[in-house]
């Protein structure tokens, strides 16, 4: 499990949630495509998942960090991390 600090509150993420969040964090506010996230997070682990799995994981992360607007969905393009959590420790 990975620990994330948001507004001085500890947030515990699963290994896959952490990898997904870090991928968005490393993009520094740029859009990351669904395909890239699926490739980097799940294909690297040898697992095949359906498209809905990514949506479920992003929903869980949004809930855990308590900032549902922090991960922005960009229609037909992908996702981007916005807001204050860029400066938070992961």
C-alpha atoms as a PDB file:
ATOM      1  CA  UNK A   1       0.000   0.000   0.000  1.00  0.00           C
ATOM      2  CA  UNK A   2       1.123   3.522  -0.689  1.00  0.00           C
ATOM      3  CA  UNK A   3       0.562   6.531   1.484  1.00  0.00           C
ATOM      4  CA  UNK A   4      -0.481   9.869   0.117  1.00  0.00           C
ATOM      5  CA  UNK A   5      -0.862  13.078   2.059  1.00  0.00           C
ATOM      6  CA  UNK A   6      -3.672  15.400   1.025  1.00  0.00           C
ATOM      7  CA  UNK A   7      -4.183  18.503   3.177  1.00  0.00           C
ATOM      8  CA  UNK A   8      -2.082  16.845   5.916  1.00  0.00           C
ATOM      9  CA  UNK A   9      -4.466  13.870   5.938  1.00  0.00           C
ATOM     10  CA  UNK A  10      -3.029  10.423   5.267  1.00  0.00           C
ATOM     11  CA  UNK A  11      -4.684   8.583   2.397  1.00  0.00           C
ATOM     12  CA  UNK A  12      -3.944   4.901   1.818  1.00  0.00           C
ATOM     13  CA  UNK A  13      -3.981   3.684  -1.775  1.00  0.00           C
ATOM     14  CA  UNK A  14      -3.642   0.144  -3.077  1.00  0.00           C
ATOM     15  CA  UNK A  15      -0.595  -0.605  -5.223  1.00  0.00           C
ATOM     16  CA  UNK A  16      -2.555  -0.176  -8.471  1.00  0.00           C
ATOM     17  CA  UNK A  17      -4.272   2.993  -7.263  1.00  0.00           C
ATOM     18  CA  UNK A  18      -0.881   4.423  -6.321  1.00  0.00           C
ATOM     19  CA  UNK A  19       0.613   3.604  -9.736  1.00  0.00           C
ATOM     20  CA  UNK A  20      -2.374   5.167 -11.463  1.00  0.00           C
ATOM     21  CA  UNK A  21      -2.196   8.314  -9.327  1.00  0.00           C
ATOM     22  CA  UNK A  22       1.578   8.623  -9.856  1.00  0.00           C
ATOM     23  CA  UNK A  23       1.128   8.317 -13.617  1.00  0.00           C
ATOM     24  CA  UNK A  24      -1.286  11.270 -13.524  1.00  0.00           C
ATOM     25  CA  UNK A  25       0.939  13.186 -11.096  1.00  0.00           C
ATOM     26  CA  UNK A  26       4.011  12.745 -13.306  1.00  0.00           C
ATOM     27  CA  UNK A  27       2.104  14.195 -16.271  1.00  0.00           C
ATOM     28  CA  UNK A  28       1.992  17.514 -14.347  1.00  0.00           C
ATOM     29  CA  UNK A  29      -1.497  18.563 -15.371  1.00  0.00           C
ATOM     30  CA  UNK A  30      -1.251  17.244 -18.921  1.00  0.00           C
ATOM     31  CA  UNK A  31      -3.865  14.872 -20.300  1.00  0.00           C
ATOM     32  CA  UNK A  32      -3.045  11.166 -20.047  1.00  0.00           C
ATOM     33  CA  UNK A  33      -5.011   8.944 -22.428  1.00  0.00           C
ATOM     34  CA  UNK A  34      -7.074   6.006 -21.202  1.00  0.00           C
ATOM     35  CA  UNK A  35      -5.013   3.752 -23.467  1.00  0.00           C
ATOM     36  CA  UNK A  36      -1.741   4.894 -21.900  1.00  0.00           C
ATOM     37  CA  UNK A  37      -3.082   4.377 -18.390  1.00  0.00           C
ATOM     38  CA  UNK A  38      -4.374   0.916 -19.256  1.00  0.00           C
ATOM     39  CA  UNK A  39      -1.068   0.004 -20.936  1.00  0.00           C
ATOM     40  CA  UNK A  40       1.184   1.351 -18.198  1.00  0.00           C
ATOM     41  CA  UNK A  41      -0.804   0.182 -15.211  1.00  0.00           C
ATOM     42  CA  UNK A  42      -2.344  -3.136 -16.178  1.00  0.00           C
ATOM     43  CA  UNK A  43      -0.500  -4.506 -19.192  1.00  0.00           C
ATOM     44  CA  UNK A  44       2.783  -4.036 -17.337  1.00  0.00           C
ATOM     45  CA  UNK A  45       1.440  -6.380 -14.669  1.00  0.00           C
ATOM     46  CA  UNK A  46       0.291  -8.888 -17.287  1.00  0.00           C
ATOM     47  CA  UNK A  47      -3.377  -8.389 -16.481  1.00  0.00           C
ATOM     48  CA  UNK A  48      -6.058  -7.754 -19.049  1.00  0.00           C
ATOM     49  CA  UNK A  49      -8.878  -5.529 -17.870  1.00  0.00           C
ATOM     50  CA  UNK A  50     -11.934  -4.005 -19.451  1.00  0.00           C
ATOM     51  CA  UNK A  51     -12.381  -0.299 -20.018  1.00  0.00           C
ATOM     52  CA  UNK A  52     -14.704   0.061 -17.033  1.00  0.00           C
ATOM     53  CA  UNK A  53     -11.966  -1.051 -14.617  1.00  0.00           C
ATOM     54  CA  UNK A  54     -10.083   2.222 -15.145  1.00  0.00           C
ATOM     55  CA  UNK A  55     -13.213   4.232 -14.380  1.00  0.00           C
ATOM     56  CA  UNK A  56     -13.764   2.278 -11.175  1.00  0.00           C
ATOM     57  CA  UNK A  57     -10.184   2.839 -10.001  1.00  0.00           C
ATOM     58  CA  UNK A  58     -10.348   6.563 -10.757  1.00  0.00           C
ATOM     59  CA  UNK A  59     -13.637   6.820  -8.837  1.00  0.00           C
ATOM     60  CA  UNK A  60     -12.025   5.116  -5.826  1.00  0.00           C
ATOM     61  CA  UNK A  61      -9.019   7.444  -5.913  1.00  0.00           C
ATOM     62  CA  UNK A  62     -11.262  10.511  -6.163  1.00  0.00           C
ATOM     63  CA  UNK A  63     -13.218   9.301  -3.123  1.00  0.00           C
ATOM     64  CA  UNK A  64     -10.117   8.453  -1.102  1.00  0.00           C
ATOM     65  CA  UNK A  65      -8.423  11.810  -1.660  1.00  0.00           C
ATOM     66  CA  UNK A  66     -11.674  13.598  -0.877  1.00  0.00           C
ATOM     67  CA  UNK A  67     -11.354  15.849  -3.908  1.00  0.00           C
ATOM     68  CA  UNK A  68     -13.592  14.483  -6.649  1.00  0.00           C
ATOM     69  CA  UNK A  69     -12.663  17.290  -9.061  1.00  0.00           C
ATOM     70  CA  UNK A  70      -8.914  16.734  -8.670  1.00  0.00           C
ATOM     71  CA  UNK A  71      -8.856  14.139 -11.450  1.00  0.00           C
ATOM     72  CA  UNK A  72     -10.509  15.723 -14.436  1.00  0.00           C
ATOM     73  CA  UNK A  73     -12.084  13.654 -17.191  1.00  0.00           C
ATOM     74  CA  UNK A  74     -11.332  15.155 -20.605  1.00  0.00           C
ATOM     75  CA  UNK A  75     -13.945  13.750 -22.967  1.00  0.00           C
ATOM     76  CA  UNK A  76     -12.529  11.543 -25.721  1.00  0.00           C
ATOM     77  CA  UNK A  77      -8.962  12.315 -24.616  1.00  0.00           C
ATOM     78  CA  UNK A  78      -8.288  10.934 -21.147  1.00  0.00           C
ATOM     79  CA  UNK A  79      -7.652  12.290 -17.666  1.00  0.00           C
ATOM     80  CA  UNK A  80      -5.582  14.932 -15.983  1.00  0.00           C
ATOM     81  CA  UNK A  81      -4.703  15.719 -12.403  1.00  0.00           C
ATOM     82  CA  UNK A  82      -5.508  19.284 -11.435  1.00  0.00           C
ATOM     83  CA  UNK A  83      -5.547  21.198  -8.175  1.00  0.00           C
ATOM     84  CA  UNK A  84      -3.485  21.355  -5.049  1.00  0.00           C
ATOM     85  CA  UNK A  85      -2.471  17.717  -4.789  1.00  0.00           C
ATOM     86  CA  UNK A  86       0.346  18.319  -7.283  1.00  0.00           C
ATOM     87  CA  UNK A  87       2.405  19.637  -4.406  1.00  0.00           C
ATOM     88  CA  UNK A  88       1.469  16.906  -1.964  1.00  0.00           C
ATOM     89  CA  UNK A  89       3.794  14.095  -0.981  1.00  0.00           C
ATOM     90  CA  UNK A  90       3.012  10.727  -2.463  1.00  0.00           C
END
